[in-house]
Amino acid sequence: MIKFRRIIEPIEKIEIIARRFSIDELTLLRDKFGGRNWRKVKGQAFVELFTGEIRFAELHWYECHGIGKRKIKIKRLLD
């Protein structure tokens, strides 16, 4: 897994991949963060890696109303 320091620009091309019971980590998310209506989402943005490079990447994360984005990770680099 590629680690990154921060997201440079707003995330674009946002799509919902899965909702509620289609999410594998649903019980873990509910136990750790609370919330009920979790979604797995993907999008694209420029990110700064720990090496200092700025790359365009596809990001995946979980989000829930009232809780926000959690467990953001780079799925793949697109450039």
PDB file of N, CA and C in Angstrom:
ATOM      1  N   MET A   1       0.844  -1.172   0.000  1.00  0.00           N
ATOM      2  CA  MET A   1       0.000   0.000   0.000  1.00  0.00           C
ATOM      3  C   MET A   1       0.891   1.238   0.000  1.00  0.00           C
ATOM      4  N   ILE A   2       0.543   2.208  -0.819  1.00  0.00           N
ATOM      5  CA  ILE A   2       1.295   3.449  -0.928  1.00  0.00           C
ATOM      6  C   ILE A   2       0.743   4.441   0.097  1.00  0.00           C
ATOM      7  N   LYS A   3       1.622   4.982   0.917  1.00  0.00           N
ATOM      8  CA  LYS A   3       1.205   5.963   1.918  1.00  0.00           C
ATOM      9  C   LYS A   3       1.388   7.363   1.356  1.00  0.00           C
ATOM     10  N   PHE A   4       0.541   8.300   1.783  1.00  0.00           N
ATOM     11  CA  PHE A   4       0.667   9.670   1.318  1.00  0.00           C
ATOM     12  C   PHE A   4       0.544  10.641   2.483  1.00  0.00           C
ATOM     13  N   ARG A   5       1.116  11.820   2.269  1.00  0.00           N
ATOM     14  CA  ARG A   5       1.141  12.845   3.308  1.00  0.00           C
ATOM     15  C   ARG A   5      -0.165  13.640   3.339  1.00  0.00           C
ATOM     16  N   ARG A   6      -0.615  14.107   2.151  1.00  0.00           N
ATOM     17  CA  ARG A   6      -1.843  14.903   2.108  1.00  0.00           C
ATOM     18  C   ARG A   6      -2.422  14.925   0.709  1.00  0.00           C
ATOM     19  N   ILE A   7      -3.687  15.297   0.621  1.00  0.00           N
ATOM     20  CA  ILE A   7      -4.375  15.470  -0.655  1.00  0.00           C
ATOM     21  C   ILE A   7      -4.186  16.922  -1.060  1.00  0.00           C
ATOM     22  N   ILE A   8      -3.685  17.163  -2.278  1.00  0.00           N
ATOM     23  CA  ILE A   8      -3.356  18.511  -2.738  1.00  0.00           C
ATOM     24  C   ILE A   8      -4.596  19.280  -3.195  1.00  0.00           C
ATOM     25  N   GLU A   9      -5.391  18.688  -4.058  1.00  0.00           N
ATOM     26  CA  GLU A   9      -6.559  19.358  -4.629  1.00  0.00           C
ATOM     27  C   GLU A   9      -7.821  18.618  -4.224  1.00  0.00           C
ATOM     28  N   PRO A  10      -8.982  19.241  -4.389  1.00  0.00           N
ATOM     29  CA  PRO A  10     -10.235  18.524  -4.078  1.00  0.00           C
ATOM     30  C   PRO A  10     -10.373  17.243  -4.902  1.00  0.00           C
ATOM     31  N   ILE A  11     -11.014  16.256  -4.324  1.00  0.00           N
ATOM     32  CA  ILE A  11     -11.206  14.963  -4.980  1.00  0.00           C
ATOM     33  C   ILE A  11     -12.254  15.114  -6.078  1.00  0.00           C
ATOM     34  N   GLU A  12     -11.959  14.564  -7.270  1.00  0.00           N
ATOM     35  CA  GLU A  12     -12.857  14.649  -8.420  1.00  0.00           C
ATOM     36  C   GLU A  12     -13.357  13.259  -8.812  1.00  0.00           C
ATOM     37  N   LYS A  13     -14.343  13.219  -9.683  1.00  0.00           N
ATOM     38  CA  LYS A  13     -14.904  11.970 -10.229  1.00  0.00           C
ATOM     39  C   LYS A  13     -15.283  10.995  -9.106  1.00  0.00           C
ATOM     40  N   ILE A  14     -16.040  11.471  -8.168  1.00  0.00           N
ATOM     41  CA  ILE A  14     -16.427  10.666  -7.006  1.00  0.00           C
ATOM     42  C   ILE A  14     -17.555   9.714  -7.388  1.00  0.00           C
ATOM     43  N   GLU A  15     -17.389   8.425  -7.035  1.00  0.00           N
ATOM     44  CA  GLU A  15     -18.390   7.382  -7.302  1.00  0.00           C
ATOM     45  C   GLU A  15     -18.573   6.523  -6.069  1.00  0.00           C
ATOM     46  N   ILE A  16     -19.804   6.125  -5.786  1.00  0.00           N
ATOM     47  CA  ILE A  16     -20.076   5.192  -4.699  1.00  0.00           C
ATOM     48  C   ILE A  16     -19.880   3.775  -5.240  1.00  0.00           C
ATOM     49  N   ILE A  17     -19.049   2.994  -4.556  1.00  0.00           N
ATOM     50  CA  ILE A  17     -18.756   1.624  -4.971  1.00  0.00           C
ATOM     51  C   ILE A  17     -19.701   0.644  -4.286  1.00  0.00           C
ATOM     52  N   ALA A  18     -19.944   0.846  -2.990  1.00  0.00           N
ATOM     53  CA  ALA A  18     -20.780  -0.086  -2.229  1.00  0.00           C
ATOM     54  C   ALA A  18     -21.523   0.675  -1.135  1.00  0.00           C
ATOM     55  N   ARG A  19     -22.642   0.124  -0.701  1.00  0.00           N
ATOM     56  CA  ARG A  19     -23.450   0.705   0.366  1.00  0.00           C
ATOM     57  C   ARG A  19     -23.772  -0.352   1.405  1.00  0.00           C
ATOM     58  N   ARG A  20     -23.873   0.077   2.630  1.00  0.00           N
ATOM     59  CA  ARG A  20     -24.308  -0.726   3.781  1.00  0.00           C
ATOM     60  C   ARG A  20     -23.777  -2.145   3.807  1.00  0.00           C
ATOM     61  N   PHE A  21     -24.621  -3.128   3.603  1.00  0.00           N
ATOM     62  CA  PHE A  21     -24.272  -4.530   3.810  1.00  0.00           C
ATOM     63  C   PHE A  21     -23.365  -5.097   2.722  1.00  0.00           C
ATOM     64  N   SER A  22     -23.112  -4.367   1.656  1.00  0.00           N
ATOM     65  CA  SER A  22     -22.166  -4.798   0.622  1.00  0.00           C
ATOM     66  C   SER A  22     -20.725  -4.539   1.046  1.00  0.00           C
ATOM     67  N   ILE A  23     -20.526  -3.790   2.134  1.00  0.00           N
ATOM     68  CA  ILE A  23     -19.190  -3.435   2.607  1.00  0.00           C
ATOM     69  C   ILE A  23     -18.666  -4.546   3.508  1.00  0.00           C
ATOM     70  N   ASP A  24     -17.471  -5.048   3.195  1.00  0.00           N
ATOM     71  CA  ASP A  24     -16.868  -6.137   3.968  1.00  0.00           C
ATOM     72  C   ASP A  24     -16.544  -5.727   5.400  1.00  0.00           C
ATOM     73  N   GLU A  25     -16.074  -4.495   5.598  1.00  0.00           N
ATOM     74  CA  GLU A  25     -15.622  -4.030   6.915  1.00  0.00           C
ATOM     75  C   GLU A  25     -16.715  -3.293   7.695  1.00  0.00           C
ATOM     76  N   LEU A  26     -17.961  -3.551   7.399  1.00  0.00           N
ATOM     77  CA  LEU A  26     -19.056  -2.792   8.007  1.00  0.00           C
ATOM     78  C   LEU A  26     -19.077  -2.889   9.529  1.00  0.00           C
ATOM     79  N   THR A  27     -18.942  -4.074  10.089  1.00  0.00           N
ATOM     80  CA  THR A  27     -18.977  -4.206  11.553  1.00  0.00           C
ATOM     81  C   THR A  27     -17.783  -3.506  12.191  1.00  0.00           C
ATOM     82  N   LEU A  28     -16.624  -3.580  11.564  1.00  0.00           N
ATOM     83  CA  LEU A  28     -15.445  -2.892  12.077  1.00  0.00           C
ATOM     84  C   LEU A  28     -15.652  -1.377  12.070  1.00  0.00           C
ATOM     85  N   LEU A  29     -16.207  -0.841  10.995  1.00  0.00           N
ATOM     86  CA  LEU A  29     -16.469   0.599  10.902  1.00  0.00           C
ATOM     87  C   LEU A  29     -17.465   1.051  11.956  1.00  0.00           C
ATOM     88  N   ARG A  30     -18.528   0.285  12.122  1.00  0.00           N
ATOM     89  CA  ARG A  30     -19.544   0.649  13.113  1.00  0.00           C
ATOM     90  C   ARG A  30     -18.994   0.565  14.534  1.00  0.00           C
ATOM     91  N   ASP A  31     -18.174  -0.437  14.823  1.00  0.00           N
ATOM     92  CA  ASP A  31     -17.590  -0.573  16.160  1.00  0.00           C
ATOM     93  C   ASP A  31     -16.605   0.552  16.463  1.00  0.00           C
ATOM     94  N   LYS A  32     -15.798   0.913  15.483  1.00  0.00           N
ATOM     95  CA  LYS A  32     -14.745   1.902  15.701  1.00  0.00           C
ATOM     96  C   LYS A  32     -15.244   3.345  15.644  1.00  0.00           C
ATOM     97  N   PHE A  33     -16.135   3.665  14.675  1.00  0.00           N
ATOM     98  CA  PHE A  33     -16.545   5.042  14.452  1.00  0.00           C
ATOM     99  C   PHE A  33     -18.020   5.319  14.744  1.00  0.00           C
ATOM    100  N   GLY A  34     -18.857   4.280  14.812  1.00  0.00           N
ATOM    101  CA  GLY A  34     -20.292   4.480  14.973  1.00  0.00           C
ATOM    102  C   GLY A  34     -20.946   4.669  13.615  1.00  0.00           C
ATOM    103  N   GLY A  35     -22.123   5.250  13.603  1.00  0.00           N
ATOM    104  CA  GLY A  35     -22.813   5.517  12.342  1.00  0.00           C
ATOM    105  C   GLY A  35     -23.570   4.305  11.824  1.00  0.00           C
ATOM    106  N   ARG A  36     -24.452   4.565  10.882  1.00  0.00           N
ATOM    107  CA  ARG A  36     -25.285   3.488  10.343  1.00  0.00           C
ATOM    108  C   ARG A  36     -25.144   3.309   8.839  1.00  0.00           C
ATOM    109  N   ASN A  37     -25.227   4.379   8.070  1.00  0.00           N
ATOM    110  CA  ASN A  37     -25.281   4.283   6.608  1.00  0.00           C
ATOM    111  C   ASN A  37     -23.913   4.536   5.979  1.00  0.00           C
ATOM    112  N   TRP A  38     -23.043   3.552   6.076  1.00  0.00           N
ATOM    113  CA  TRP A  38     -21.700   3.660   5.529  1.00  0.00           C
ATOM    114  C   TRP A  38     -21.708   3.403   4.035  1.00  0.00           C
ATOM    115  N   ARG A  39     -20.813   4.097   3.318  1.00  0.00           N
ATOM    116  CA  ARG A  39     -20.622   3.906   1.877  1.00  0.00           C
ATOM    117  C   ARG A  39     -19.135   3.763   1.598  1.00  0.00           C
ATOM    118  N   LYS A  40     -18.789   2.909   0.642  1.00  0.00           N
ATOM    119  CA  LYS A  40     -17.417   2.842   0.139  1.00  0.00           C
ATOM    120  C   LYS A  40     -17.400   3.667  -1.133  1.00  0.00           C
ATOM    121  N   VAL A  41     -16.422   4.576  -1.224  1.00  0.00           N
ATOM    122  CA  VAL A  41     -16.412   5.575  -2.292  1.00  0.00           C
ATOM    123  C   VAL A  41     -15.026   5.613  -2.940  1.00  0.00           C
ATOM    124  N   LYS A  42     -14.999   5.984  -4.229  1.00  0.00           N
ATOM    125  CA  LYS A  42     -13.723   6.192  -4.900  1.00  0.00           C
ATOM    126  C   LYS A  42     -13.733   7.533  -5.610  1.00  0.00           C
ATOM    127  N   GLY A  43     -12.530   8.077  -5.831  1.00  0.00           N
ATOM    128  CA  GLY A  43     -12.372   9.343  -6.528  1.00  0.00           C
ATOM    129  C   GLY A  43     -10.926   9.518  -6.940  1.00  0.00           C
ATOM    130  N   GLN A  44     -10.643  10.636  -7.622  1.00  0.00           N
ATOM    131  CA  GLN A  44      -9.291  10.892  -8.106  1.00  0.00           C
ATOM    132  C   GLN A  44      -8.828  12.255  -7.623  1.00  0.00           C
ATOM    133  N   ALA A  45      -7.526  12.350  -7.271  1.00  0.00           N
ATOM    134  CA  ALA A  45      -6.965  13.617  -6.808  1.00  0.00           C
ATOM    135  C   ALA A  45      -5.454  13.583  -6.874  1.00  0.00           C
ATOM    136  N   PHE A  46      -4.838  14.770  -6.832  1.00  0.00           N
ATOM    137  CA  PHE A  46      -3.391  14.861  -6.695  1.00  0.00           C
ATOM    138  C   PHE A  46      -3.051  14.717  -5.223  1.00  0.00           C
ATOM    139  N   VAL A  47      -2.052  13.883  -4.927  1.00  0.00           N
ATOM    140  CA  VAL A  47      -1.626  13.655  -3.546  1.00  0.00           C
ATOM    141  C   VAL A  47      -0.121  13.870  -3.437  1.00  0.00           C
ATOM    142  N   GLU A  48       0.325  14.263  -2.244  1.00  0.00           N
ATOM    143  CA  GLU A  48       1.747  14.386  -1.974  1.00  0.00           C
ATOM    144  C   GLU A  48       2.179  13.143  -1.214  1.00  0.00           C
ATOM    145  N   LEU A  49       3.142  12.419  -1.774  1.00  0.00           N
ATOM    146  CA  LEU A  49       3.658  11.218  -1.142  1.00  0.00           C
ATOM    147  C   LEU A  49       4.692  11.601  -0.092  1.00  0.00           C
ATOM    148  N   PHE A  50       5.080  10.678   0.764  1.00  0.00           N
ATOM    149  CA  PHE A  50       6.084  10.946   1.792  1.00  0.00           C
ATOM    150  C   PHE A  50       7.461  11.208   1.190  1.00  0.00           C
ATOM    151  N   THR A  51       7.668  10.810  -0.077  1.00  0.00           N
ATOM    152  CA  THR A  51       8.932  11.077  -0.756  1.00  0.00           C
ATOM    153  C   THR A  51       9.010  12.510  -1.270  1.00  0.00           C
ATOM    154  N   GLY A  52       7.881  13.247  -1.200  1.00  0.00           N
ATOM    155  CA  GLY A  52       7.828  14.618  -1.694  1.00  0.00           C
ATOM    156  C   GLY A  52       7.249  14.733  -3.091  1.00  0.00           C
ATOM    157  N   GLU A  53       7.051  13.610  -3.760  1.00  0.00           N
ATOM    158  CA  GLU A  53       6.468  13.612  -5.107  1.00  0.00           C
ATOM    159  C   GLU A  53       4.992  13.973  -5.044  1.00  0.00           C
ATOM    160  N   ILE A  54       4.521  14.653  -6.090  1.00  0.00           N
ATOM    161  CA  ILE A  54       3.089  14.919  -6.240  1.00  0.00           C
ATOM    162  C   ILE A  54       2.612  14.068  -7.403  1.00  0.00           C
ATOM    163  N   ARG A  55       1.658  13.181  -7.132  1.00  0.00           N
ATOM    164  CA  ARG A  55       1.176  12.225  -8.134  1.00  0.00           C
ATOM    165  C   ARG A  55      -0.343  12.262  -8.202  1.00  0.00           C
ATOM    166  N   PHE A  56      -0.885  11.875  -9.358  1.00  0.00           N
ATOM    167  CA  PHE A  56      -2.327  11.765  -9.556  1.00  0.00           C
ATOM    168  C   PHE A  56      -2.719  10.333  -9.204  1.00  0.00           C
ATOM    169  N   ALA A  57      -3.693  10.164  -8.320  1.00  0.00           N
ATOM    170  CA  ALA A  57      -4.013   8.826  -7.815  1.00  0.00           C
ATOM    171  C   ALA A  57      -5.508   8.599  -7.702  1.00  0.00           C
ATOM    172  N   GLU A  58      -5.879   7.310  -7.735  1.00  0.00           N
ATOM    173  CA  GLU A  58      -7.254   6.901  -7.430  1.00  0.00           C
ATOM    174  C   GLU A  58      -7.299   6.581  -5.941  1.00  0.00           C
ATOM    175  N   LEU A  59      -8.222   7.212  -5.238  1.00  0.00           N
ATOM    176  CA  LEU A  59      -8.363   7.032  -3.796  1.00  0.00           C
ATOM    177  C   LEU A  59      -9.634   6.254  -3.495  1.00  0.00           C
ATOM    178  N   HIS A  60      -9.589   5.425  -2.463  1.00  0.00           N
ATOM    179  CA  HIS A  60     -10.768   4.730  -1.947  1.00  0.00           C
ATOM    180  C   HIS A  60     -10.901   5.090  -0.476  1.00  0.00           C
ATOM    181  N   TRP A  61     -12.128   5.239   0.010  1.00  0.00           N
ATOM    182  CA  TRP A  61     -12.367   5.553   1.412  1.00  0.00           C
ATOM    183  C   TRP A  61     -13.783   5.163   1.789  1.00  0.00           C
ATOM    184  N   TYR A  62     -14.049   5.212   3.077  1.00  0.00           N
ATOM    185  CA  TYR A  62     -15.392   4.972   3.601  1.00  0.00           C
ATOM    186  C   TYR A  62     -15.915   6.298   4.136  1.00  0.00           C
ATOM    187  N   GLU A  63     -17.228   6.532   3.993  1.00  0.00           N
ATOM    188  CA  GLU A  63     -17.804   7.740   4.563  1.00  0.00           C
ATOM    189  C   GLU A  63     -19.199   7.455   5.089  1.00  0.00           C
ATOM    190  N   CYS A  64     -19.571   8.244   6.092  1.00  0.00           N
ATOM    191  CA  CYS A  64     -20.876   8.106   6.722  1.00  0.00           C
ATOM    192  C   CYS A  64     -21.368   9.498   7.099  1.00  0.00           C
ATOM    193  N   HIS A  65     -22.640   9.725   6.962  1.00  0.00           N
ATOM    194  CA  HIS A  65     -23.228  11.012   7.310  1.00  0.00           C
ATOM    195  C   HIS A  65     -22.965  11.332   8.780  1.00  0.00           C
ATOM    196  N   GLY A  66     -22.467  12.521   9.047  1.00  0.00           N
ATOM    197  CA  GLY A  66     -22.183  12.947  10.411  1.00  0.00           C
ATOM    198  C   GLY A  66     -20.823  12.522  10.933  1.00  0.00           C
ATOM    199  N   ILE A  67     -20.143  11.623  10.200  1.00  0.00           N
ATOM    200  CA  ILE A  67     -18.835  11.136  10.632  1.00  0.00           C
ATOM    201  C   ILE A  67     -17.747  11.591   9.659  1.00  0.00           C
ATOM    202  N   GLY A  68     -18.037  11.576   8.371  1.00  0.00           N
ATOM    203  CA  GLY A  68     -17.078  12.032   7.370  1.00  0.00           C
ATOM    204  C   GLY A  68     -16.285  10.897   6.741  1.00  0.00           C
ATOM    205  N   LYS A  69     -15.174  11.266   6.084  1.00  0.00           N
ATOM    206  CA  LYS A  69     -14.327  10.285   5.392  1.00  0.00           C
ATOM    207  C   LYS A  69     -13.419   9.595   6.393  1.00  0.00           C
ATOM    208  N   ARG A  70     -13.278   8.291   6.244  1.00  0.00           N
ATOM    209  CA  ARG A  70     -12.394   7.502   7.100  1.00  0.00           C
ATOM    210  C   ARG A  70     -11.636   6.491   6.258  1.00  0.00           C
ATOM    211  N   LYS A  71     -10.436   6.139   6.693  1.00  0.00           N
ATOM    212  CA  LYS A  71      -9.605   5.110   6.071  1.00  0.00           C
ATOM    213  C   LYS A  71      -9.340   5.400   4.591  1.00  0.00           C
ATOM    214  N   ILE A  72      -8.856   6.596   4.295  1.00  0.00           N
ATOM    215  CA  ILE A  72      -8.523   6.974   2.910  1.00  0.00           C
ATOM    216  C   ILE A  72      -7.224   6.268   2.519  1.00  0.00           C
ATOM    217  N   LYS A  73      -7.232   5.641   1.335  1.00  0.00           N
ATOM    218  CA  LYS A  73      -6.022   4.977   0.863  1.00  0.00           C
ATOM    219  C   LYS A  73      -5.889   5.137  -0.646  1.00  0.00           C
ATOM    220  N   ILE A  74      -4.662   5.042  -1.129  1.00  0.00           N
ATOM    221  CA  ILE A  74      -4.388   5.086  -2.561  1.00  0.00           C
ATOM    222  C   ILE A  74      -4.596   3.680  -3.115  1.00  0.00           C
ATOM    223  N   LYS A  75      -5.467   3.569  -4.087  1.00  0.00           N
ATOM    224  CA  LYS A  75      -5.691   2.285  -4.743  1.00  0.00           C
ATOM    225  C   LYS A  75      -4.664   2.069  -5.853  1.00  0.00           C
ATOM    226  N   ARG A  76      -4.431   3.122  -6.657  1.00  0.00           N
ATOM    227  CA  ARG A  76      -3.409   3.040  -7.705  1.00  0.00           C
ATOM    228  C   ARG A  76      -3.005   4.444  -8.148  1.00  0.00           C
ATOM    229  N   LEU A  77      -1.788   4.559  -8.671  1.00  0.00           N
ATOM    230  CA  LEU A  77      -1.312   5.820  -9.218  1.00  0.00           C
ATOM    231  C   LEU A  77      -1.719   5.869 -10.680  1.00  0.00           C
ATOM    232  N   LEU A  78      -2.219   7.004 -11.135  1.00  0.00           N
ATOM    233  CA  LEU A  78      -2.783   7.096 -12.486  1.00  0.00           C
ATOM    234  C   LEU A  78      -1.881   7.809 -13.495  1.00  0.00           C
ATOM    235  N   ASP A  79      -0.773   8.378 -13.052  1.00  0.00           N
ATOM    236  CA  ASP A  79       0.091   9.070 -14.015  1.00  0.00           C
ATOM    237  C   ASP A  79       1.315   8.274 -14.375  1.00  0.00           C
TER     238      ASP A  79
END
